[in-house]
Amino acid sequence: MSKFDELYRLHRLLDGRRTGLPRSVLINEHGFSRSTLARLIADLRDRLGAPLIHDSERGGYRYDTADGSHALPGLWFTPAELHALVTLKHLLANLEPGLLDDHLRPLQTRIDKLLGSNHLGAGEAAQRIRILAAAARQKNLRHFQTIAGAVLQRSRLKIDYYNRERDQIGTREISPQRLAHYRDNWYLDAWCHGKKGLRIFAVECIRAAAPLGKAAKTLAESTLNRELASAYGIFAGLPVATAVLRFTPKRARWVADEIWHPRQQSRWLEDGRYELRLPYSDERELLMDILKYGPDIEVMGPEDLREVVKKLLGAAASQYRR
């Protein structure tokens, strides 16, 4: 067990106790050696500034606080927790300026305090950890607060929505269900009353949003997940096919460690290639991810997906024959 693990174990034993823990109990029942215990107590007091005292009237070591609790901010972050913390700071900083200042300022202050802790390098974390926004679109989030409020308050919205594919703006009445942050862009999952079905709206394409003063239609989370999250990528719909992709041995060393879909299936082939199977309902996003691997990937099926990729690669190659 590492030094930090031992320190955390002692902290957990002490945290929140109103009565003290005797040295004998820490040694005999919890397995700390005398020398280790002395070092850990000194570290908590001297290096981390913990209000750790030995209170003989209350039976031993305890934190000298009203409820016996003491927080050690910033010390115990796992890689996932640290990434989440820096990501949250990144999200708060990159929402439209002033959008949620009144609501989020206390949270921003708390995050800054945590990231500024001596145990996270006295502010170095935010500068020494980069979060890169890959393919993030220009944000147009002036209606974000209205949309988020409708999601949480379960109310309907009237929106003007720009459809990039048709280059048109249409008006919809929707019941917002939830917000999703995917590939550094915001999306709104909603029931469209005109289309009588679930749809996904890119938030930056919402040109106007007005509350209707009517209760939203609420769908079960299981329904939302089945309709919106069972197939590949951001596109809605139940899976209609399974893509079978094979990667070259060289590229497989990266792809084998990636999660493309929660229900993906994979296997290594005898020749060193890696096969990945993915359920999908709409091929558009999947095609973009396939094409970026160029000669390092082969679509084995379904046949119509293979033919689409073949035609796209042929069209791309034809541009270089001039």
Protein backbone atom coordinates (compact mmCIF):
# COMPACT_ATOMS: atom_id res chain seq x y z
CA MET A 1 0.00 0.00 0.00
CA SER A 2 1.36 3.43 -0.95
CA LYS A 3 2.04 6.25 1.46
CA PHE A 4 -0.98 8.17 0.17
CA ASP A 5 -3.19 5.09 0.55
CA GLU A 6 -2.09 4.73 4.17
CA LEU A 7 -2.63 8.42 4.81
CA TYR A 8 -6.08 8.26 3.31
CA ARG A 9 -6.93 5.16 5.35
CA LEU A 10 -6.01 6.94 8.57
CA HIS A 11 -7.96 10.02 7.49
CA ARG A 12 -11.09 7.92 6.81
CA LEU A 13 -10.83 6.34 10.26
CA LEU A 14 -10.66 9.76 11.90
CA ASP A 15 -12.99 11.79 9.73
CA GLY A 16 -16.38 12.46 11.33
CA ARG A 17 -15.59 10.90 14.70
CA ARG A 18 -16.68 12.78 17.81
CA THR A 19 -14.70 10.44 20.05
CA GLY A 20 -10.99 9.80 19.71
CA LEU A 21 -9.23 6.70 18.40
CA PRO A 22 -6.62 5.28 20.79
CA ARG A 23 -3.11 4.64 19.49
CA SER A 24 -3.45 1.01 20.62
CA VAL A 25 -6.55 0.50 18.46
CA LEU A 26 -4.87 2.04 15.42
CA ILE A 27 -1.88 -0.29 15.89
CA ASN A 28 -3.49 -3.51 17.03
CA GLU A 29 -6.83 -3.45 15.20
CA HIS A 30 -6.04 -1.43 12.09
CA GLY A 31 -2.51 -2.67 11.46
CA PHE A 32 -0.47 0.57 11.56
CA SER A 33 3.08 0.12 12.81
CA ARG A 34 4.25 2.58 15.46
CA SER A 35 6.72 4.26 13.15
CA THR A 36 4.23 4.48 10.27
CA LEU A 37 1.54 5.88 12.55
CA ALA A 38 3.89 8.53 13.90
CA ARG A 39 4.88 9.56 10.37
CA LEU A 40 1.27 9.71 9.14
CA ILE A 41 0.15 11.80 12.10
CA ALA A 42 3.02 14.21 11.48
CA ASP A 43 2.13 14.41 7.76
CA LEU A 44 -1.52 15.15 8.50
CA ARG A 45 -0.65 17.85 11.01
CA ASP A 46 2.44 19.48 9.57
CA ARG A 47 2.23 18.98 5.80
CA LEU A 48 -1.53 19.01 5.28
CA GLY A 49 -2.54 21.35 8.11
CA ALA A 50 -5.14 18.97 9.54
CA PRO A 51 -6.46 19.93 13.02
CA LEU A 52 -5.45 16.52 14.40
CA ILE A 53 -5.13 16.40 18.17
CA HIS A 54 -4.73 13.76 20.85
CA ASP A 55 -7.67 14.21 23.21
CA SER A 56 -7.17 11.99 26.25
CA GLU A 57 -10.60 12.96 27.63
CA ARG A 58 -12.32 11.68 24.48
CA GLY A 59 -10.18 8.60 24.11
CA GLY A 60 -7.46 9.37 21.58
CA TYR A 61 -6.79 11.00 18.20
CA ARG A 62 -9.51 13.07 16.56
CA TYR A 63 -10.03 16.12 14.38
CA ASP A 64 -10.54 19.23 16.50
CA THR A 65 -13.68 20.43 14.70
CA ALA A 66 -17.30 20.82 15.78
CA ASP A 67 -18.44 17.60 14.13
CA GLY A 68 -15.12 15.76 13.99
CA SER A 69 -14.91 16.15 10.22
CA HIS A 70 -12.11 17.60 8.15
CA ALA A 71 -11.79 17.82 4.37
CA LEU A 72 -8.53 17.29 2.55
CA PRO A 73 -9.43 18.96 -0.79
CA GLY A 74 -7.51 18.04 -3.87
CA LEU A 75 -5.43 15.26 -2.40
CA TRP A 76 -7.41 12.19 -3.33
CA PHE A 77 -8.36 12.72 -6.93
CA THR A 78 -8.11 9.70 -9.19
CA PRO A 79 -7.18 10.37 -12.84
CA ALA A 80 -10.88 10.17 -13.75
CA GLU A 81 -11.87 12.59 -10.99
CA LEU A 82 -9.12 15.03 -11.91
CA HIS A 83 -10.17 14.90 -15.58
CA ALA A 84 -13.79 15.52 -14.56
CA LEU A 85 -12.78 18.49 -12.43
CA VAL A 86 -10.67 20.14 -15.12
CA THR A 87 -13.35 19.33 -17.73
CA LEU A 88 -15.99 21.02 -15.60
CA LYS A 89 -13.80 24.10 -15.25
CA HIS A 90 -13.30 24.03 -19.03
CA LEU A 91 -17.06 23.79 -19.65
CA LEU A 92 -17.83 26.63 -17.26
CA ALA A 93 -15.18 28.82 -18.84
CA ASN A 94 -16.37 28.14 -22.39
CA LEU A 95 -20.09 28.59 -22.03
CA GLU A 96 -21.24 31.89 -23.48
CA PRO A 97 -19.77 34.63 -21.24
CA GLY A 98 -22.21 35.70 -18.57
CA LEU A 99 -24.72 32.99 -19.48
CA LEU A 100 -25.04 31.36 -16.06
CA ASP A 101 -22.78 33.58 -13.98
CA ASP A 102 -25.17 34.08 -11.09
CA HIS A 103 -25.84 30.36 -10.75
CA LEU A 104 -22.40 28.97 -11.45
CA ARG A 105 -20.08 31.52 -9.83
CA PRO A 106 -20.04 29.68 -6.45
CA LEU A 107 -19.26 26.41 -8.25
CA GLN A 108 -16.52 28.08 -10.30
CA THR A 109 -15.01 29.52 -7.12
CA ARG A 110 -15.03 26.12 -5.45
CA ILE A 111 -13.39 24.44 -8.43
CA ASP A 112 -10.74 27.15 -8.61
CA LYS A 113 -10.03 26.63 -4.92
CA LEU A 114 -9.67 22.88 -5.38
CA LEU A 115 -7.41 23.26 -8.41
CA GLY A 116 -5.40 25.88 -6.52
CA SER A 117 -4.74 23.51 -3.64
CA ASN A 118 -1.11 22.87 -2.76
CA HIS A 119 -1.80 19.17 -3.27
CA LEU A 120 -2.65 19.82 -6.90
CA GLY A 121 0.40 21.94 -7.53
CA ALA A 122 -0.96 25.27 -6.22
CA GLY A 123 -2.84 26.06 -9.42
CA GLU A 124 -0.65 24.11 -11.83
CA ALA A 125 -3.40 21.60 -12.69
CA ALA A 126 -5.39 23.99 -14.85
CA GLN A 127 -2.25 25.05 -16.75
CA ARG A 128 -0.56 21.66 -16.95
CA ILE A 129 -3.58 19.64 -18.10
CA ARG A 130 -4.93 20.40 -21.56
CA ILE A 131 -8.40 19.48 -22.78
CA LEU A 132 -8.54 19.80 -26.55
CA ALA A 133 -11.84 20.52 -28.26
CA ALA A 134 -11.81 18.29 -31.33
CA ALA A 135 -14.27 19.35 -34.04
CA ALA A 136 -16.06 21.69 -31.65
CA ARG A 137 -18.43 23.93 -33.57
CA GLN A 138 -18.73 27.64 -32.98
CA LYS A 139 -21.03 28.09 -30.02
CA ASN A 140 -24.31 29.96 -30.35
CA LEU A 141 -25.72 29.29 -26.91
CA ARG A 142 -27.77 32.40 -26.23
CA HIS A 143 -30.83 30.19 -25.65
CA PHE A 144 -29.01 27.69 -23.44
CA GLN A 145 -30.48 28.99 -20.18
CA THR A 146 -34.04 28.85 -21.53
CA ILE A 147 -33.48 25.32 -22.83
CA ALA A 148 -31.82 24.09 -19.63
CA GLY A 149 -34.63 25.60 -17.57
CA ALA A 150 -37.25 23.82 -19.67
CA VAL A 151 -35.41 20.51 -19.29
CA LEU A 152 -35.27 20.82 -15.50
CA GLN A 153 -38.70 22.39 -15.00
CA ARG A 154 -40.36 19.93 -17.40
CA SER A 155 -42.02 22.53 -19.62
CA ARG A 156 -42.62 22.70 -23.36
CA LEU A 157 -40.79 25.00 -25.74
CA LYS A 158 -41.46 26.53 -29.13
CA ILE A 159 -38.22 26.65 -31.09
CA ASP A 160 -37.00 27.85 -34.46
CA TYR A 161 -34.49 25.26 -35.62
CA TYR A 162 -31.95 25.50 -38.43
CA ASN A 163 -31.55 22.25 -40.36
CA ARG A 164 -28.06 22.25 -41.88
CA GLU A 165 -28.78 19.40 -44.29
CA ARG A 166 -31.75 21.18 -45.88
CA ASP A 167 -30.48 24.71 -45.16
CA GLN A 168 -33.88 25.63 -43.75
CA ILE A 169 -35.35 27.01 -40.53
CA GLY A 170 -38.52 25.41 -39.20
CA THR A 171 -40.69 25.92 -36.12
CA ARG A 172 -41.22 23.06 -33.69
CA GLU A 173 -43.14 22.47 -30.47
CA ILE A 174 -41.05 20.20 -28.29
CA SER A 175 -40.96 18.60 -24.86
CA PRO A 176 -37.32 18.71 -23.74
CA GLN A 177 -36.11 15.50 -22.11
CA ARG A 178 -32.39 15.95 -21.41
CA LEU A 179 -29.23 17.77 -22.48
CA ALA A 180 -26.18 15.89 -23.76
CA HIS A 181 -22.61 17.13 -24.18
CA TYR A 182 -21.08 15.01 -26.94
CA ARG A 183 -17.78 15.55 -28.76
CA ASP A 184 -17.58 19.04 -27.27
CA ASN A 185 -21.00 20.10 -28.55
CA TRP A 186 -24.37 20.42 -26.80
CA TYR A 187 -27.45 18.50 -27.93
CA LEU A 188 -31.04 18.50 -26.74
CA ASP A 189 -33.02 15.26 -26.65
CA ALA A 190 -36.69 16.15 -27.04
CA TRP A 191 -40.11 14.85 -28.03
CA CYS A 192 -41.26 16.69 -31.16
CA HIS A 193 -45.05 17.11 -31.04
CA GLY A 194 -45.27 17.84 -34.76
CA LYS A 195 -43.31 14.76 -35.82
CA LYS A 196 -44.72 12.73 -32.90
CA GLY A 197 -41.34 11.24 -32.10
CA LEU A 198 -38.04 11.72 -30.34
CA ARG A 199 -35.52 13.98 -32.01
CA ILE A 200 -32.03 15.28 -31.23
CA PHE A 201 -31.40 18.99 -31.73
CA ALA A 202 -27.97 20.64 -31.88
CA VAL A 203 -28.27 23.50 -29.39
CA GLU A 204 -26.25 25.93 -31.49
CA CYS A 205 -28.81 25.46 -34.31
CA ILE A 206 -31.72 26.63 -32.15
CA ARG A 207 -32.35 30.16 -33.41
CA ALA A 208 -35.18 31.01 -31.01
CA ALA A 209 -36.65 29.36 -27.91
CA ALA A 210 -39.76 30.43 -26.02
CA PRO A 211 -41.53 28.69 -23.11
CA LEU A 212 -45.12 27.73 -23.88
CA GLY A 213 -46.41 27.52 -20.33
CA LYS A 214 -47.47 23.90 -20.82
CA ALA A 215 -46.18 20.80 -19.10
CA ALA A 216 -43.73 18.72 -21.10
CA LYS A 217 -44.48 15.20 -22.17
CA THR A 218 -42.17 13.03 -20.06
CA LEU A 219 -40.70 9.79 -21.38
CA ALA A 220 -39.14 7.06 -19.29
CA GLU A 221 -35.36 7.00 -19.16
CA SER A 222 -35.42 3.44 -20.50
CA THR A 223 -37.30 4.69 -23.57
CA LEU A 224 -34.84 7.55 -24.09
CA ASN A 225 -31.89 5.20 -23.86
CA ARG A 226 -33.45 2.65 -26.19
CA GLU A 227 -34.39 5.22 -28.82
CA LEU A 228 -31.45 7.61 -28.55
CA ALA A 229 -28.50 5.76 -27.09
CA SER A 230 -28.64 2.20 -28.38
CA ALA A 231 -27.13 2.88 -31.81
CA TYR A 232 -23.77 4.34 -32.81
CA GLY A 233 -23.05 8.03 -32.24
CA ILE A 234 -25.41 10.94 -31.78
CA PHE A 235 -28.10 9.96 -34.27
CA ALA A 236 -31.38 8.70 -32.88
CA GLY A 237 -33.14 5.46 -33.71
CA LEU A 238 -32.99 1.79 -32.90
CA PRO A 239 -30.09 -0.10 -34.51
CA VAL A 240 -30.90 -1.39 -37.98
CA ALA A 241 -27.61 -3.14 -38.71
CA THR A 242 -24.22 -4.08 -37.28
CA ALA A 243 -21.07 -2.70 -38.85
CA VAL A 244 -18.15 -5.11 -39.02
CA LEU A 245 -14.84 -3.23 -39.18
CA ARG A 246 -11.34 -4.69 -39.44
CA PHE A 247 -8.25 -2.67 -38.60
CA THR A 248 -4.66 -3.31 -39.69
CA PRO A 249 -2.30 -4.76 -37.04
CA LYS A 250 -0.58 -1.40 -36.66
CA ARG A 251 -3.78 0.61 -36.14
CA ALA A 252 -5.26 -2.12 -33.97
CA ARG A 253 -2.81 -1.26 -31.20
CA TRP A 254 -4.77 1.98 -30.68
CA VAL A 255 -8.31 0.94 -31.56
CA ALA A 256 -8.28 -2.13 -29.31
CA ASP A 257 -8.11 0.18 -26.27
CA GLU A 258 -11.01 2.38 -27.41
CA ILE A 259 -14.71 2.16 -26.59
CA TRP A 260 -16.71 3.11 -29.67
CA HIS A 261 -20.03 1.88 -28.33
CA PRO A 262 -21.20 0.35 -25.00
CA ARG A 263 -22.43 -2.78 -26.80
CA GLN A 264 -19.53 -3.24 -29.17
CA GLN A 265 -18.07 -6.69 -29.77
CA SER A 266 -14.46 -7.25 -30.71
CA ARG A 267 -11.88 -9.93 -31.36
CA TRP A 268 -8.29 -10.31 -32.51
CA LEU A 269 -7.74 -12.19 -35.75
CA GLU A 270 -4.91 -14.65 -36.28
CA ASP A 271 -3.11 -12.34 -38.71
CA GLY A 272 -2.94 -9.56 -36.08
CA ARG A 273 -5.89 -7.56 -37.34
CA TYR A 274 -8.62 -6.36 -34.98
CA GLU A 275 -12.32 -6.76 -35.68
CA LEU A 276 -14.93 -4.42 -34.20
CA ARG A 277 -18.71 -4.88 -34.43
CA LEU A 278 -20.98 -1.88 -33.81
CA PRO A 279 -24.79 -1.46 -33.92
CA TYR A 280 -25.93 1.60 -35.87
CA SER A 281 -29.12 3.21 -37.11
CA ASP A 282 -27.76 6.08 -39.20
CA GLU A 283 -24.53 5.66 -41.14
CA ARG A 284 -23.51 9.33 -41.38
CA GLU A 285 -21.39 9.67 -38.24
CA LEU A 286 -20.07 6.13 -38.59
CA LEU A 287 -18.92 6.91 -42.15
CA MET A 288 -16.91 9.91 -40.92
CA ASP A 289 -15.15 7.78 -38.32
CA ILE A 290 -14.45 5.01 -40.84
CA LEU A 291 -13.03 7.35 -43.48
CA LYS A 292 -10.54 8.98 -41.12
CA TYR A 293 -8.67 5.68 -40.87
CA GLY A 294 -8.06 5.51 -44.63
CA PRO A 295 -6.13 2.35 -45.62
CA ASP A 296 -5.98 1.08 -42.02
CA ILE A 297 -9.60 -0.07 -41.96
CA GLU A 298 -11.80 -2.36 -44.07
CA VAL A 299 -15.58 -2.56 -43.83
CA MET A 300 -16.55 -6.23 -43.96
CA GLY A 301 -20.28 -5.65 -43.68
CA PRO A 302 -23.04 -4.96 -44.20
CA GLU A 303 -22.56 -4.91 -47.94
CA ASP A 304 -24.41 -1.61 -48.48
CA LEU A 305 -22.16 0.14 -45.93
CA ARG A 306 -19.10 -1.37 -47.61
CA GLU A 307 -20.28 -0.06 -50.99
CA VAL A 308 -20.89 3.45 -49.66
CA VAL A 309 -17.36 3.57 -48.21
CA LYS A 310 -15.96 2.21 -51.46
CA LYS A 311 -17.68 4.94 -53.49
CA LEU A 312 -16.62 7.71 -51.12
CA LEU A 313 -12.99 6.58 -51.19
CA GLY A 314 -13.14 6.40 -54.98
CA ALA A 315 -14.54 9.92 -55.18
CA ALA A 316 -11.84 11.16 -52.81
CA ALA A 317 -9.09 9.48 -54.85
CA SER A 318 -10.45 10.97 -58.09
CA GLN A 319 -9.71 14.46 -56.81
CA TYR A 320 -6.00 13.64 -56.82
CA ARG A 321 -5.87 12.42 -60.43
CA ARG A 322 -6.03 15.91 -61.89
